[in-house]
Amino acid sequence: MLNRFARALFTRIFTPVARLLLRLGVSPDVVTLVGTFGVCAGALIWFPRGHLFTGTMVVTAFVFSDTVDGIMARMQGRSSSWGAYLDSTLDRFGDAAVFGGLILYYSNDHGDLGHDWNQVGEVLALTCLILGSIVSYARARAEGLGMQANVGIAERADRLVSTLVCAGFVGTQWIPDQTLLVVLALLAVASVVTVVQRILMVRRQALAAVPDPTA
C-alpha cells in the first residue's frame, strides 16, 4: 500500500540526488549494489548487538537507494529487464538481513523481555522472513506466467517500514520492547492474508483464461 502513496513523493525528493550521481558517472547498478550492502551491514552488524536504533538509521540511510537507482535508470532511458531483475533479487538480500538481524537480536536476549519472550520474538521474526519471501514469490511466479498479483495488505514497503519504524523506537526506549513483538505478529498475519489475496487473484485470472467447453 505504501508503494502507491509514497512513490511520487520520494521521486521528487531524490531526483536531485539521482541527477548528481549521474553527473559523477555513477551507474544505477552500482547504487543498487551499494545500497544492498549498506542495508545488510546495518542490520547484521547492529541489530545482533542490541543497537536497534543505530541499525535502523543505517538501514534507512541505504534503503532509499532502491528509489534512487530507478530514477537514475529512467533518466538515462535505460530502464530494463536486467535492472528490474537485479533490483528485485538484491531486495531479497536486504529483507533477509533485516529480519535475520532481528532473529539474532532476540537470540542474544537483548531488551527487557526475558528469555521466553525473546524466543517468541525469534519465532515471529523468522516467520516474517519466511512469509515475506512467499509474498514476493507469489507475485514473481504470477508475472512469470503472464498474470498479475500486485495486491495485498502487506507488500514489501509495508513490511519494511513497519518493522524499521518500530525497531527504531524500541531502540530509543520510547516504546516498550513488547511493541515490536506485536508488530511482528501483525505483519505475520498480514503476510498470510496477502499470500491468500494473491493466490485468489491469480486463480481468477487463470480460470478466466480457460475456454468454456459449453460455449
N, C-alpha and C. Protein backbone atom coordinates (compact mmCIF):
# COMPACT_ATOMS: atom_id res chain seq x y z
N MET A 1 0.81 -1.22 0.00
CA MET A 1 0.00 0.00 0.00
C MET A 1 0.85 1.27 0.00
N LEU A 2 1.95 1.24 0.76
CA LEU A 2 2.80 2.43 0.83
C LEU A 2 3.41 2.76 -0.53
N ASN A 3 3.66 1.73 -1.34
CA ASN A 3 4.23 1.97 -2.67
C ASN A 3 3.40 2.95 -3.47
N ARG A 4 2.09 2.82 -3.37
CA ARG A 4 1.20 3.63 -4.20
C ARG A 4 1.21 5.09 -3.77
N PHE A 5 1.34 5.33 -2.46
CA PHE A 5 1.22 6.69 -1.94
C PHE A 5 2.57 7.42 -1.85
N ALA A 6 3.65 6.67 -1.66
CA ALA A 6 4.94 7.31 -1.38
C ALA A 6 5.84 7.43 -2.60
N ARG A 7 5.54 6.68 -3.66
CA ARG A 7 6.46 6.66 -4.80
C ARG A 7 6.67 8.04 -5.42
N ALA A 8 5.56 8.76 -5.65
CA ALA A 8 5.68 10.08 -6.28
C ALA A 8 6.44 11.05 -5.38
N LEU A 9 6.17 10.99 -4.07
CA LEU A 9 6.85 11.89 -3.12
C LEU A 9 8.34 11.64 -3.11
N PHE A 10 8.75 10.37 -2.98
CA PHE A 10 10.16 10.05 -2.92
C PHE A 10 10.86 10.33 -4.25
N THR A 11 10.14 10.19 -5.34
CA THR A 11 10.73 10.52 -6.64
C THR A 11 11.10 11.99 -6.69
N ARG A 12 10.20 12.85 -6.21
CA ARG A 12 10.51 14.29 -6.19
C ARG A 12 11.69 14.59 -5.28
N ILE A 13 11.74 13.93 -4.14
CA ILE A 13 12.80 14.21 -3.17
C ILE A 13 14.16 13.78 -3.68
N PHE A 14 14.23 12.60 -4.31
CA PHE A 14 15.53 12.02 -4.66
C PHE A 14 15.96 12.27 -6.10
N THR A 15 15.14 12.95 -6.87
CA THR A 15 15.54 13.26 -8.25
C THR A 15 16.84 14.08 -8.29
N PRO A 16 17.01 15.13 -7.45
CA PRO A 16 18.29 15.86 -7.48
C PRO A 16 19.49 14.97 -7.13
N VAL A 17 19.29 14.04 -6.19
CA VAL A 17 20.38 13.12 -5.82
C VAL A 17 20.74 12.24 -7.02
N ALA A 18 19.71 11.71 -7.69
CA ALA A 18 19.94 10.86 -8.85
C ALA A 18 20.67 11.62 -9.95
N ARG A 19 20.26 12.87 -10.17
CA ARG A 19 20.88 13.68 -11.22
C ARG A 19 22.36 13.93 -10.89
N LEU A 20 22.67 14.20 -9.62
CA LEU A 20 24.05 14.43 -9.21
C LEU A 20 24.90 13.17 -9.41
N LEU A 21 24.38 12.02 -9.02
CA LEU A 21 25.14 10.77 -9.17
C LEU A 21 25.43 10.47 -10.64
N LEU A 22 24.47 10.76 -11.50
CA LEU A 22 24.70 10.54 -12.93
C LEU A 22 25.79 11.47 -13.46
N ARG A 23 25.79 12.72 -12.98
CA ARG A 23 26.84 13.67 -13.41
C ARG A 23 28.22 13.20 -12.96
N LEU A 24 28.26 12.50 -11.83
CA LEU A 24 29.53 11.99 -11.30
C LEU A 24 29.94 10.69 -11.97
N GLY A 25 29.10 10.19 -12.86
CA GLY A 25 29.44 8.97 -13.59
C GLY A 25 29.10 7.68 -12.87
N VAL A 26 28.26 7.76 -11.84
CA VAL A 26 27.84 6.56 -11.10
C VAL A 26 26.70 5.88 -11.85
N SER A 27 26.75 4.57 -11.97
CA SER A 27 25.70 3.85 -12.68
C SER A 27 24.61 3.39 -11.71
N PRO A 28 23.38 3.19 -12.21
CA PRO A 28 22.30 2.69 -11.34
C PRO A 28 22.63 1.35 -10.69
N ASP A 29 23.33 0.48 -11.40
CA ASP A 29 23.67 -0.83 -10.84
C ASP A 29 24.58 -0.69 -9.62
N VAL A 30 25.51 0.26 -9.67
CA VAL A 30 26.40 0.49 -8.53
C VAL A 30 25.60 0.97 -7.33
N VAL A 31 24.64 1.86 -7.55
CA VAL A 31 23.80 2.34 -6.46
C VAL A 31 23.01 1.19 -5.84
N THR A 32 22.49 0.30 -6.70
CA THR A 32 21.75 -0.86 -6.21
C THR A 32 22.63 -1.75 -5.34
N LEU A 33 23.84 -2.01 -5.80
CA LEU A 33 24.76 -2.89 -5.05
C LEU A 33 25.20 -2.26 -3.73
N VAL A 34 25.56 -0.98 -3.77
CA VAL A 34 26.00 -0.30 -2.55
C VAL A 34 24.86 -0.21 -1.55
N GLY A 35 23.66 0.09 -2.04
CA GLY A 35 22.50 0.17 -1.15
C GLY A 35 22.22 -1.14 -0.47
N THR A 36 22.29 -2.23 -1.21
CA THR A 36 22.05 -3.55 -0.63
C THR A 36 23.10 -3.89 0.41
N PHE A 37 24.36 -3.60 0.09
CA PHE A 37 25.43 -3.86 1.05
C PHE A 37 25.22 -3.06 2.33
N GLY A 38 24.82 -1.80 2.20
CA GLY A 38 24.60 -0.96 3.37
C GLY A 38 23.46 -1.46 4.23
N VAL A 39 22.37 -1.86 3.60
CA VAL A 39 21.22 -2.40 4.35
C VAL A 39 21.63 -3.66 5.11
N CYS A 40 22.31 -4.57 4.42
CA CYS A 40 22.73 -5.82 5.06
C CYS A 40 23.70 -5.57 6.21
N ALA A 41 24.65 -4.67 5.98
CA ALA A 41 25.63 -4.37 7.03
C ALA A 41 24.96 -3.73 8.23
N GLY A 42 24.08 -2.76 7.99
CA GLY A 42 23.41 -2.09 9.10
C GLY A 42 22.60 -3.04 9.95
N ALA A 43 21.88 -3.95 9.28
CA ALA A 43 21.02 -4.87 10.03
C ALA A 43 21.82 -5.97 10.73
N LEU A 44 22.82 -6.52 10.05
CA LEU A 44 23.52 -7.68 10.59
C LEU A 44 24.66 -7.31 11.53
N ILE A 45 25.10 -6.06 11.50
CA ILE A 45 26.14 -5.63 12.44
C ILE A 45 25.52 -5.07 13.72
N TRP A 46 24.50 -4.23 13.58
CA TRP A 46 23.98 -3.51 14.73
C TRP A 46 22.84 -4.22 15.45
N PHE A 47 21.91 -4.82 14.73
CA PHE A 47 20.78 -5.48 15.40
C PHE A 47 21.22 -6.59 16.35
N PRO A 48 22.12 -7.50 15.94
CA PRO A 48 22.51 -8.57 16.85
C PRO A 48 23.21 -8.07 18.12
N ARG A 49 23.77 -6.88 18.05
CA ARG A 49 24.45 -6.32 19.23
C ARG A 49 23.49 -5.54 20.12
N GLY A 50 22.23 -5.48 19.74
CA GLY A 50 21.24 -4.81 20.57
C GLY A 50 21.05 -3.35 20.26
N HIS A 51 21.72 -2.82 19.23
CA HIS A 51 21.63 -1.41 18.89
C HIS A 51 20.57 -1.21 17.79
N LEU A 52 19.32 -1.33 18.18
CA LEU A 52 18.25 -1.27 17.19
C LEU A 52 18.14 0.10 16.54
N PHE A 53 18.32 1.16 17.32
CA PHE A 53 18.17 2.50 16.76
C PHE A 53 19.28 2.78 15.74
N THR A 54 20.52 2.49 16.12
CA THR A 54 21.64 2.72 15.20
C THR A 54 21.48 1.89 13.94
N GLY A 55 21.13 0.63 14.12
CA GLY A 55 20.94 -0.24 12.96
C GLY A 55 19.84 0.27 12.05
N THR A 56 18.75 0.75 12.65
CA THR A 56 17.64 1.27 11.85
C THR A 56 18.07 2.51 11.06
N MET A 57 18.85 3.38 11.68
CA MET A 57 19.30 4.58 10.98
C MET A 57 20.22 4.23 9.80
N VAL A 58 21.09 3.25 10.00
CA VAL A 58 21.99 2.84 8.92
C VAL A 58 21.19 2.20 7.78
N VAL A 59 20.28 1.30 8.13
CA VAL A 59 19.45 0.65 7.11
C VAL A 59 18.63 1.69 6.35
N THR A 60 18.04 2.62 7.08
CA THR A 60 17.20 3.65 6.44
C THR A 60 18.02 4.51 5.49
N ALA A 61 19.27 4.81 5.87
CA ALA A 61 20.12 5.64 5.02
C ALA A 61 20.38 4.98 3.67
N PHE A 62 20.43 3.65 3.66
CA PHE A 62 20.75 2.94 2.42
C PHE A 62 19.52 2.41 1.69
N VAL A 63 18.42 2.25 2.39
CA VAL A 63 17.27 1.60 1.77
C VAL A 63 16.68 2.45 0.65
N PHE A 64 16.90 3.77 0.70
CA PHE A 64 16.35 4.64 -0.34
C PHE A 64 17.10 4.51 -1.67
N SER A 65 18.21 3.77 -1.66
CA SER A 65 18.89 3.51 -2.92
C SER A 65 17.97 2.77 -3.89
N ASP A 66 16.99 2.06 -3.33
CA ASP A 66 16.03 1.33 -4.14
C ASP A 66 15.19 2.28 -5.00
N THR A 67 15.01 3.51 -4.50
CA THR A 67 14.30 4.53 -5.27
C THR A 67 15.25 5.27 -6.20
N VAL A 68 16.43 5.60 -5.69
CA VAL A 68 17.39 6.40 -6.45
C VAL A 68 17.83 5.68 -7.72
N ASP A 69 18.11 4.38 -7.63
CA ASP A 69 18.59 3.67 -8.82
C ASP A 69 17.54 3.63 -9.92
N GLY A 70 16.26 3.52 -9.52
CA GLY A 70 15.20 3.53 -10.51
C GLY A 70 15.07 4.87 -11.20
N ILE A 71 15.20 5.95 -10.43
CA ILE A 71 15.14 7.29 -11.02
C ILE A 71 16.30 7.49 -11.99
N MET A 72 17.50 7.04 -11.60
CA MET A 72 18.67 7.17 -12.46
C MET A 72 18.47 6.42 -13.78
N ALA A 73 17.94 5.20 -13.68
CA ALA A 73 17.74 4.40 -14.89
C ALA A 73 16.74 5.08 -15.83
N ARG A 74 15.70 5.65 -15.27
CA ARG A 74 14.71 6.32 -16.12
C ARG A 74 15.30 7.58 -16.76
N MET A 75 16.14 8.30 -16.01
CA MET A 75 16.77 9.49 -16.57
C MET A 75 17.68 9.13 -17.74
N GLN A 76 18.32 7.99 -17.64
CA GLN A 76 19.21 7.55 -18.71
C GLN A 76 18.46 6.88 -19.85
N GLY A 77 17.17 6.63 -19.64
CA GLY A 77 16.41 5.88 -20.63
C GLY A 77 16.86 4.44 -20.72
N ARG A 78 17.34 3.92 -19.56
CA ARG A 78 17.90 2.57 -19.55
C ARG A 78 17.10 1.62 -18.67
N SER A 79 15.85 1.96 -18.35
CA SER A 79 15.02 1.04 -17.58
C SER A 79 14.91 -0.25 -18.37
N SER A 80 15.28 -1.36 -17.75
CA SER A 80 15.37 -2.61 -18.49
C SER A 80 14.99 -3.78 -17.62
N SER A 81 14.83 -4.92 -18.27
CA SER A 81 14.53 -6.15 -17.54
C SER A 81 15.70 -6.51 -16.62
N TRP A 82 16.93 -6.23 -17.07
CA TRP A 82 18.10 -6.53 -16.23
C TRP A 82 18.06 -5.72 -14.94
N GLY A 83 17.79 -4.42 -15.05
CA GLY A 83 17.73 -3.59 -13.86
C GLY A 83 16.65 -4.04 -12.91
N ALA A 84 15.48 -4.37 -13.44
CA ALA A 84 14.38 -4.84 -12.60
C ALA A 84 14.73 -6.16 -11.92
N TYR A 85 15.39 -7.04 -12.68
CA TYR A 85 15.79 -8.34 -12.12
C TYR A 85 16.81 -8.17 -10.99
N LEU A 86 17.84 -7.35 -11.25
CA LEU A 86 18.88 -7.13 -10.24
C LEU A 86 18.28 -6.51 -8.99
N ASP A 87 17.43 -5.52 -9.17
CA ASP A 87 16.83 -4.81 -8.05
C ASP A 87 15.99 -5.77 -7.20
N SER A 88 15.14 -6.55 -7.84
CA SER A 88 14.27 -7.47 -7.11
C SER A 88 15.06 -8.55 -6.39
N THR A 89 16.10 -9.05 -7.07
CA THR A 89 16.91 -10.10 -6.45
C THR A 89 17.64 -9.59 -5.22
N LEU A 90 18.25 -8.41 -5.34
CA LEU A 90 19.00 -7.87 -4.20
C LEU A 90 18.08 -7.41 -3.07
N ASP A 91 16.84 -7.06 -3.40
CA ASP A 91 15.87 -6.73 -2.35
C ASP A 91 15.69 -7.89 -1.38
N ARG A 92 15.76 -9.12 -1.91
CA ARG A 92 15.60 -10.29 -1.04
C ARG A 92 16.74 -10.37 -0.03
N PHE A 93 17.95 -9.97 -0.45
CA PHE A 93 19.07 -9.94 0.49
C PHE A 93 18.79 -8.95 1.62
N GLY A 94 18.31 -7.76 1.24
CA GLY A 94 18.04 -6.74 2.25
C GLY A 94 16.97 -7.17 3.22
N ASP A 95 15.87 -7.73 2.70
CA ASP A 95 14.79 -8.19 3.58
C ASP A 95 15.28 -9.28 4.52
N ALA A 96 16.05 -10.22 3.97
CA ALA A 96 16.56 -11.31 4.80
C ALA A 96 17.49 -10.78 5.89
N ALA A 97 18.28 -9.77 5.56
CA ALA A 97 19.20 -9.20 6.55
C ALA A 97 18.45 -8.52 7.70
N VAL A 98 17.40 -7.77 7.37
CA VAL A 98 16.63 -7.06 8.41
C VAL A 98 16.00 -8.05 9.38
N PHE A 99 15.29 -9.03 8.86
CA PHE A 99 14.63 -9.98 9.75
C PHE A 99 15.62 -10.97 10.35
N GLY A 100 16.68 -11.29 9.60
CA GLY A 100 17.73 -12.13 10.17
C GLY A 100 18.43 -11.44 11.32
N GLY A 101 18.66 -10.12 11.17
CA GLY A 101 19.25 -9.35 12.26
C GLY A 101 18.38 -9.34 13.50
N LEU A 102 17.06 -9.27 13.31
CA LEU A 102 16.14 -9.31 14.45
C LEU A 102 16.13 -10.69 15.10
N ILE A 103 16.25 -11.74 14.30
CA ILE A 103 16.35 -13.08 14.88
C ILE A 103 17.56 -13.17 15.80
N LEU A 104 18.69 -12.65 15.33
CA LEU A 104 19.90 -12.66 16.14
C LEU A 104 19.76 -11.75 17.36
N TYR A 105 19.06 -10.64 17.20
CA TYR A 105 18.80 -9.73 18.33
C TYR A 105 18.07 -10.48 19.44
N TYR A 106 17.04 -11.19 19.09
CA TYR A 106 16.27 -11.93 20.10
C TYR A 106 17.04 -13.14 20.63
N SER A 107 17.82 -13.78 19.78
CA SER A 107 18.57 -14.96 20.24
C SER A 107 19.65 -14.57 21.25
N ASN A 108 20.09 -13.31 21.20
CA ASN A 108 21.09 -12.83 22.16
C ASN A 108 20.46 -12.24 23.42
N ASP A 109 19.13 -12.38 23.55
CA ASP A 109 18.40 -11.96 24.75
C ASP A 109 18.59 -10.49 25.09
N HIS A 110 18.52 -9.64 24.08
CA HIS A 110 18.59 -8.20 24.33
C HIS A 110 17.23 -7.68 24.80
N GLY A 111 17.24 -6.48 25.36
CA GLY A 111 15.99 -5.87 25.81
C GLY A 111 15.55 -6.40 27.17
N ASP A 112 14.32 -6.09 27.52
CA ASP A 112 13.79 -6.42 28.85
C ASP A 112 12.71 -7.49 28.81
N LEU A 113 12.70 -8.30 27.75
CA LEU A 113 11.61 -9.25 27.59
C LEU A 113 11.78 -10.52 28.41
N GLY A 114 12.99 -10.92 28.67
CA GLY A 114 13.22 -12.21 29.30
C GLY A 114 13.39 -13.28 28.24
N HIS A 115 13.97 -14.41 28.63
CA HIS A 115 14.35 -15.43 27.67
C HIS A 115 13.15 -16.00 26.91
N ASP A 116 12.08 -16.30 27.62
CA ASP A 116 10.93 -16.93 26.96
C ASP A 116 10.33 -16.03 25.89
N TRP A 117 10.16 -14.75 26.19
CA TRP A 117 9.58 -13.84 25.21
C TRP A 117 10.55 -13.54 24.08
N ASN A 118 11.85 -13.59 24.38
CA ASN A 118 12.83 -13.45 23.30
C ASN A 118 12.74 -14.61 22.32
N GLN A 119 12.44 -15.79 22.84
CA GLN A 119 12.24 -16.94 21.95
C GLN A 119 11.01 -16.73 21.06
N VAL A 120 9.97 -16.14 21.64
CA VAL A 120 8.80 -15.79 20.83
C VAL A 120 9.20 -14.81 19.73
N GLY A 121 10.02 -13.83 20.09
CA GLY A 121 10.50 -12.86 19.10
C GLY A 121 11.28 -13.53 17.99
N GLU A 122 12.11 -14.51 18.33
CA GLU A 122 12.85 -15.25 17.30
C GLU A 122 11.90 -15.91 16.31
N VAL A 123 10.88 -16.57 16.86
CA VAL A 123 9.92 -17.28 16.02
C VAL A 123 9.16 -16.31 15.12
N LEU A 124 8.74 -15.18 15.68
CA LEU A 124 7.98 -14.20 14.91
C LEU A 124 8.83 -13.58 13.79
N ALA A 125 10.09 -13.24 14.12
CA ALA A 125 10.97 -12.66 13.09
C ALA A 125 11.25 -13.67 11.99
N LEU A 126 11.45 -14.94 12.37
CA LEU A 126 11.67 -15.98 11.37
C LEU A 126 10.42 -16.18 10.52
N THR A 127 9.26 -16.14 11.15
CA THR A 127 8.01 -16.28 10.42
C THR A 127 7.84 -15.15 9.41
N CYS A 128 8.13 -13.93 9.82
CA CYS A 128 8.03 -12.79 8.89
C CYS A 128 9.01 -12.92 7.75
N LEU A 129 10.21 -13.43 8.03
CA LEU A 129 11.21 -13.64 6.98
C LEU A 129 10.71 -14.64 5.95
N ILE A 130 10.17 -15.76 6.42
CA ILE A 130 9.69 -16.80 5.51
C ILE A 130 8.48 -16.32 4.72
N LEU A 131 7.52 -15.73 5.42
CA LEU A 131 6.29 -15.29 4.75
C LEU A 131 6.57 -14.16 3.77
N GLY A 132 7.52 -13.29 4.11
CA GLY A 132 7.88 -12.22 3.19
C GLY A 132 8.41 -12.77 1.88
N SER A 133 9.19 -13.84 1.97
CA SER A 133 9.71 -14.47 0.74
C SER A 133 8.58 -15.08 -0.07
N ILE A 134 7.61 -15.66 0.62
CA ILE A 134 6.48 -16.27 -0.09
C ILE A 134 5.62 -15.20 -0.76
N VAL A 135 5.43 -14.07 -0.07
CA VAL A 135 4.67 -12.96 -0.66
C VAL A 135 5.33 -12.52 -1.97
N SER A 136 6.63 -12.34 -1.93
CA SER A 136 7.35 -11.91 -3.13
C SER A 136 7.31 -12.96 -4.21
N TYR A 137 7.46 -14.23 -3.83
CA TYR A 137 7.44 -15.30 -4.81
C TYR A 137 6.07 -15.42 -5.48
N ALA A 138 5.01 -15.23 -4.70
CA ALA A 138 3.66 -15.34 -5.26
C ALA A 138 3.47 -14.34 -6.40
N ARG A 139 4.00 -13.15 -6.23
CA ARG A 139 3.89 -12.15 -7.30
C ARG A 139 4.81 -12.48 -8.47
N ALA A 140 6.06 -12.84 -8.16
CA ALA A 140 7.02 -13.12 -9.23
C ALA A 140 6.58 -14.31 -10.08
N ARG A 141 6.06 -15.35 -9.44
CA ARG A 141 5.61 -16.52 -10.18
C ARG A 141 4.41 -16.19 -11.07
N ALA A 142 3.50 -15.38 -10.55
CA ALA A 142 2.35 -14.97 -11.34
C ALA A 142 2.79 -14.19 -12.58
N GLU A 143 3.72 -13.25 -12.38
CA GLU A 143 4.18 -12.45 -13.51
C GLU A 143 4.95 -13.32 -14.51
N GLY A 144 5.64 -14.35 -14.02
CA GLY A 144 6.32 -15.27 -14.91
C GLY A 144 5.35 -16.07 -15.78
N LEU A 145 4.12 -16.22 -15.30
CA LEU A 145 3.09 -16.92 -16.05
C LEU A 145 2.22 -15.97 -16.86
N GLY A 146 2.61 -14.70 -16.88
CA GLY A 146 1.87 -13.72 -17.66
C GLY A 146 0.63 -13.18 -16.97
N MET A 147 0.58 -13.28 -15.65
CA MET A 147 -0.57 -12.77 -14.89
C MET A 147 -0.10 -11.74 -13.87
N GLN A 148 -1.04 -11.11 -13.20
CA GLN A 148 -0.74 -10.10 -12.20
C GLN A 148 -1.10 -10.59 -10.80
N ALA A 149 -0.29 -10.18 -9.81
CA ALA A 149 -0.60 -10.50 -8.41
C ALA A 149 -0.11 -9.36 -7.53
N ASN A 150 -0.41 -8.13 -7.97
CA ASN A 150 0.10 -6.95 -7.27
C ASN A 150 -0.91 -6.40 -6.27
N VAL A 151 -1.53 -7.30 -5.51
CA VAL A 151 -2.46 -6.90 -4.47
C VAL A 151 -1.91 -7.33 -3.12
N GLY A 152 -2.53 -6.85 -2.07
CA GLY A 152 -2.12 -7.30 -0.74
C GLY A 152 -2.02 -6.18 0.26
N ILE A 153 -2.24 -6.52 1.52
CA ILE A 153 -2.18 -5.52 2.59
C ILE A 153 -0.80 -5.44 3.22
N ALA A 154 0.11 -6.33 2.80
CA ALA A 154 1.46 -6.33 3.37
C ALA A 154 2.48 -6.51 2.26
N GLU A 155 2.63 -5.49 1.41
CA GLU A 155 3.66 -5.54 0.39
C GLU A 155 5.02 -5.24 1.03
N ARG A 156 6.07 -5.32 0.23
CA ARG A 156 7.43 -5.19 0.78
C ARG A 156 7.62 -3.88 1.55
N ALA A 157 7.18 -2.78 0.97
CA ALA A 157 7.37 -1.49 1.64
C ALA A 157 6.64 -1.45 2.97
N ASP A 158 5.43 -2.01 3.02
CA ASP A 158 4.66 -2.03 4.27
C ASP A 158 5.40 -2.80 5.35
N ARG A 159 5.92 -3.97 4.98
CA ARG A 159 6.61 -4.80 5.96
C ARG A 159 7.89 -4.14 6.45
N LEU A 160 8.65 -3.57 5.52
CA LEU A 160 9.94 -3.00 5.87
C LEU A 160 9.78 -1.74 6.72
N VAL A 161 8.91 -0.84 6.29
CA VAL A 161 8.71 0.42 7.03
C VAL A 161 8.17 0.15 8.43
N SER A 162 7.17 -0.71 8.54
CA SER A 162 6.58 -1.01 9.86
C SER A 162 7.63 -1.57 10.81
N THR A 163 8.43 -2.50 10.30
CA THR A 163 9.45 -3.13 11.14
C THR A 163 10.52 -2.14 11.56
N LEU A 164 11.02 -1.35 10.61
CA LEU A 164 12.12 -0.43 10.92
C LEU A 164 11.66 0.69 11.85
N VAL A 165 10.48 1.24 11.61
CA VAL A 165 9.99 2.32 12.47
C VAL A 165 9.84 1.83 13.90
N CYS A 166 9.23 0.67 14.06
CA CYS A 166 9.03 0.14 15.41
C CYS A 166 10.36 -0.22 16.06
N ALA A 167 11.25 -0.87 15.31
CA ALA A 167 12.55 -1.24 15.87
C ALA A 167 13.34 0.00 16.30
N GLY A 168 13.25 1.06 15.49
CA GLY A 168 13.95 2.29 15.85
C GLY A 168 13.43 2.89 17.14
N PHE A 169 12.12 2.93 17.30
CA PHE A 169 11.55 3.49 18.53
C PHE A 169 11.84 2.61 19.74
N VAL A 170 11.82 1.28 19.55
CA VAL A 170 12.19 0.39 20.65
C VAL A 170 13.65 0.64 21.03
N GLY A 171 14.49 0.87 20.02
CA GLY A 171 15.91 1.13 20.29
C GLY A 171 16.15 2.39 21.09
N THR A 172 15.25 3.38 20.94
CA THR A 172 15.38 4.61 21.73
C THR A 172 14.72 4.48 23.10
N GLN A 173 14.04 3.35 23.33
CA GLN A 173 13.31 3.08 24.57
C GLN A 173 12.13 4.04 24.77
N TRP A 174 11.64 4.62 23.67
CA TRP A 174 10.44 5.46 23.75
C TRP A 174 9.18 4.62 23.86
N ILE A 175 9.26 3.39 23.36
CA ILE A 175 8.13 2.47 23.46
C ILE A 175 8.66 1.16 24.03
N PRO A 176 7.81 0.35 24.68
CA PRO A 176 8.29 -0.89 25.30
C PRO A 176 8.71 -1.93 24.27
N ASP A 177 9.58 -2.83 24.70
CA ASP A 177 10.08 -3.88 23.82
C ASP A 177 8.96 -4.75 23.27
N GLN A 178 7.89 -4.91 24.03
CA GLN A 178 6.79 -5.76 23.60
C GLN A 178 6.12 -5.26 22.32
N THR A 179 6.26 -3.96 22.05
CA THR A 179 5.61 -3.38 20.86
C THR A 179 6.11 -4.02 19.59
N LEU A 180 7.41 -4.30 19.53
CA LEU A 180 7.97 -4.90 18.32
C LEU A 180 7.43 -6.32 18.13
N LEU A 181 7.21 -7.03 19.23
CA LEU A 181 6.61 -8.36 19.12
C LEU A 181 5.22 -8.27 18.50
N VAL A 182 4.45 -7.28 18.96
CA VAL A 182 3.09 -7.11 18.44
C VAL A 182 3.13 -6.79 16.95
N VAL A 183 4.03 -5.89 16.55
CA VAL A 183 4.14 -5.52 15.14
C VAL A 183 4.54 -6.73 14.30
N LEU A 184 5.49 -7.51 14.76
CA LEU A 184 5.91 -8.70 14.01
C LEU A 184 4.76 -9.70 13.88
N ALA A 185 3.99 -9.86 14.96
CA ALA A 185 2.85 -10.77 14.90
C ALA A 185 1.81 -10.28 13.90
N LEU A 186 1.53 -8.98 13.91
CA LEU A 186 0.57 -8.42 12.96
C LEU A 186 1.07 -8.55 11.52
N LEU A 187 2.37 -8.33 11.32
CA LEU A 187 2.93 -8.47 9.98
C LEU A 187 2.85 -9.92 9.49
N ALA A 188 3.05 -10.87 10.40
CA ALA A 188 2.93 -12.28 10.02
C ALA A 188 1.51 -12.59 9.54
N VAL A 189 0.52 -12.11 10.29
CA VAL A 189 -0.87 -12.33 9.90
C VAL A 189 -1.16 -11.63 8.57
N ALA A 190 -0.72 -10.37 8.45
CA ALA A 190 -0.96 -9.61 7.23
C ALA A 190 -0.28 -10.26 6.02
N SER A 191 0.88 -10.87 6.23
CA SER A 191 1.58 -11.54 5.14
C SER A 191 0.80 -12.76 4.67
N VAL A 192 0.23 -13.51 5.61
CA VAL A 192 -0.60 -14.66 5.24
C VAL A 192 -1.80 -14.19 4.42
N VAL A 193 -2.43 -13.11 4.87
CA VAL A 193 -3.58 -12.57 4.14
C VAL A 193 -3.17 -12.15 2.73
N THR A 194 -1.99 -11.53 2.61
CA THR A 194 -1.50 -11.09 1.31
C THR A 194 -1.26 -12.26 0.38
N VAL A 195 -0.68 -13.33 0.89
CA VAL A 195 -0.46 -14.52 0.08
C VAL A 195 -1.79 -15.06 -0.43
N VAL A 196 -2.77 -15.13 0.46
CA VAL A 196 -4.09 -15.63 0.06
C VAL A 196 -4.71 -14.71 -1.00
N GLN A 197 -4.59 -13.39 -0.79
CA GLN A 197 -5.12 -12.45 -1.78
C GLN A 197 -4.50 -12.67 -3.15
N ARG A 198 -3.21 -12.88 -3.18
CA ARG A 198 -2.51 -13.06 -4.46
C ARG A 198 -2.87 -14.39 -5.10
N ILE A 199 -3.00 -15.42 -4.30
CA ILE A 199 -3.41 -16.71 -4.84
C ILE A 199 -4.80 -16.61 -5.47
N LEU A 200 -5.73 -15.97 -4.79
CA LEU A 200 -7.09 -15.83 -5.31
C LEU A 200 -7.11 -14.99 -6.58
N MET A 201 -6.28 -13.94 -6.62
CA MET A 201 -6.23 -13.10 -7.81
C MET A 201 -5.73 -13.90 -9.02
N VAL A 202 -4.68 -14.68 -8.81
CA VAL A 202 -4.14 -15.49 -9.89
C VAL A 202 -5.15 -16.57 -10.30
N ARG A 203 -5.83 -17.13 -9.32
CA ARG A 203 -6.83 -18.16 -9.64
C ARG A 203 -7.93 -17.59 -10.54
N ARG A 204 -8.39 -16.38 -10.23
CA ARG A 204 -9.43 -15.77 -11.06
C ARG A 204 -8.94 -15.56 -12.49
N GLN A 205 -7.70 -15.09 -12.61
CA GLN A 205 -7.16 -14.86 -13.95
C GLN A 205 -6.97 -16.18 -14.71
N ALA A 206 -6.50 -17.20 -14.00
CA ALA A 206 -6.27 -18.49 -14.65
C ALA A 206 -7.58 -19.11 -15.11
N LEU A 207 -8.61 -19.04 -14.28
CA LEU A 207 -9.91 -19.61 -14.65
C LEU A 207 -10.55 -18.83 -15.79
N ALA A 208 -10.36 -17.51 -15.78
CA ALA A 208 -10.94 -16.68 -16.85
C ALA A 208 -10.29 -16.98 -18.20
N ALA A 209 -9.05 -17.46 -18.17
CA ALA A 209 -8.33 -17.76 -19.42
C ALA A 209 -8.67 -19.12 -19.99
N VAL A 210 -9.34 -19.97 -19.19
CA VAL A 210 -9.70 -21.30 -19.66
C VAL A 210 -10.97 -21.22 -20.51
N PRO A 211 -10.94 -21.71 -21.74
CA PRO A 211 -12.15 -21.65 -22.59
C PRO A 211 -13.30 -22.44 -21.99
N ASP A 212 -14.51 -21.90 -22.12
CA ASP A 212 -15.71 -22.56 -21.63
C ASP A 212 -16.09 -23.65 -22.63
N PRO A 213 -16.06 -24.93 -22.22
CA PRO A 213 -16.35 -26.02 -23.17
C PRO A 213 -17.80 -26.01 -23.65
N THR A 214 -18.68 -25.33 -22.92
CA THR A 214 -20.09 -25.30 -23.32
C THR A 214 -20.42 -24.17 -24.28
N ALA A 215 -19.38 -23.27 -24.48
CA ALA A 215 -19.64 -22.12 -25.36
C ALA A 215 -19.68 -22.52 -26.82
